[in-house]
Amino acid sequence: MIVSRDDLNRGHRVVAMPCYSQQLEKRSRLKYCVLLRAGDGNLDKDCVVKADEISYLEKTELDLSRGAVGRLKPETMAQIMAALRYVVREEQH
């Protein structure tokens, strides 16, 4: 899943998080995962986005010829951003 801002995606890379369809029950309870249901963003099946595995992808590795597969609702993107903040935020004591 591409999570970088559209206006920042003009370069050679995009920021992405992987989606997994295995171990949904377990992963959906983790603070750094977000459950997505089939149909969300045109997904075929339920999956989780894992914010702890964020990475850069070269655009040459992607098939961009058909454009975006789908877009998530702002509420869902807010959940994904909260999961990312959980991953990168320093613990406060």
Protein backbone atom coordinates (compact mmCIF):
# COMPACT_ATOMS: atom_id res chain seq x y z
CA MET A 1 0.00 0.00 0.00
CA ILE A 2 1.40 3.39 -1.02
CA VAL A 3 1.14 5.72 1.97
CA SER A 4 3.22 8.72 0.90
CA ARG A 5 1.43 11.91 -0.03
CA ASP A 6 0.45 12.26 -3.70
CA ASP A 7 2.39 15.52 -4.02
CA LEU A 8 5.55 13.74 -2.80
CA ASN A 9 5.19 10.82 -5.24
CA ARG A 10 6.66 12.71 -8.17
CA GLY A 11 10.20 11.39 -7.57
CA HIS A 12 11.66 7.95 -8.18
CA ARG A 13 10.38 6.32 -4.97
CA VAL A 14 7.21 5.99 -2.94
CA VAL A 15 6.70 5.13 0.72
CA ALA A 16 4.82 1.86 1.16
CA MET A 17 3.57 -0.54 3.81
CA PRO A 18 2.89 -4.22 3.10
CA CYS A 19 -0.53 -5.84 3.38
CA TYR A 20 -0.96 -9.39 4.60
CA SER A 21 -4.01 -11.66 4.45
CA GLN A 22 -2.68 -14.32 6.84
CA GLN A 23 -3.00 -14.31 10.65
CA LEU A 24 -5.68 -11.61 10.49
CA GLU A 25 -7.13 -12.26 13.92
CA LYS A 26 -3.75 -12.00 15.63
CA ARG A 27 -2.38 -9.11 13.56
CA SER A 28 -5.56 -7.02 13.70
CA ARG A 29 -5.08 -6.67 17.48
CA LEU A 30 -1.56 -5.24 17.16
CA LYS A 31 -1.16 -1.47 17.56
CA TYR A 32 0.99 -1.26 14.44
CA CYS A 33 -1.48 -3.08 12.17
CA VAL A 34 -4.73 -1.89 10.64
CA LEU A 35 -7.43 -4.30 9.49
CA LEU A 36 -8.84 -3.63 6.03
CA ARG A 37 -11.98 -5.37 4.86
CA ALA A 38 -12.59 -6.72 1.38
CA GLY A 39 -13.89 -3.85 -0.71
CA ASP A 40 -11.91 -1.16 1.15
CA GLY A 41 -9.82 0.54 -1.52
CA ASN A 42 -10.99 -2.17 -3.97
CA LEU A 43 -9.22 -4.96 -2.07
CA ASP A 44 -10.20 -8.53 -3.02
CA LYS A 45 -10.06 -9.88 0.54
CA ASP A 46 -9.54 -8.88 4.15
CA CYS A 47 -5.96 -7.99 5.07
CA VAL A 48 -3.88 -5.95 7.50
CA VAL A 49 -1.50 -3.12 6.76
CA LYS A 50 1.70 -3.46 8.82
CA ALA A 51 3.16 -0.08 9.73
CA ASP A 52 6.24 -1.67 11.29
CA GLU A 53 7.46 -2.75 7.84
CA ILE A 54 7.41 0.63 6.12
CA SER A 55 9.82 0.94 3.19
CA TYR A 56 10.68 2.81 0.02
CA LEU A 57 9.78 1.25 -3.31
CA GLU A 58 11.29 2.27 -6.60
CA LYS A 59 8.55 3.33 -8.99
CA THR A 60 10.15 1.12 -11.63
CA GLU A 61 9.06 -1.87 -9.49
CA LEU A 62 5.39 -0.86 -9.73
CA ASP A 63 2.86 -1.19 -12.53
CA LEU A 64 1.58 2.37 -12.68
CA SER A 65 0.03 2.06 -16.14
CA ARG A 66 -3.53 1.73 -14.80
CA GLY A 67 -3.19 4.25 -11.99
CA ALA A 68 -4.22 3.61 -8.41
CA VAL A 69 -6.00 0.34 -7.65
CA GLY A 70 -8.15 2.17 -5.13
CA ARG A 71 -8.18 4.76 -2.39
CA LEU A 72 -8.95 4.30 1.25
CA LYS A 73 -11.38 6.46 3.20
CA PRO A 74 -9.82 9.32 5.19
CA GLU A 75 -10.85 7.55 8.43
CA THR A 76 -8.93 4.43 7.40
CA MET A 77 -5.87 6.47 6.42
CA ALA A 78 -6.06 8.14 9.85
CA GLN A 79 -5.90 4.67 11.46
CA ILE A 80 -2.87 3.79 9.32
CA MET A 81 -1.15 7.05 10.28
CA ALA A 82 -1.86 6.34 13.96
CA ALA A 83 -0.25 2.91 13.56
CA LEU A 84 2.77 4.54 11.94
CA ARG A 85 3.04 7.08 14.76
CA TYR A 86 3.00 4.17 17.21
CA VAL A 87 5.97 2.63 15.37
CA VAL A 88 8.13 5.73 15.12
CA ARG A 89 7.19 7.65 18.25
CA GLU A 90 9.57 7.70 21.15
CA GLU A 91 8.16 6.36 24.41
CA GLN A 92 7.23 9.14 26.78
CA HIS A 93 7.94 8.58 30.43
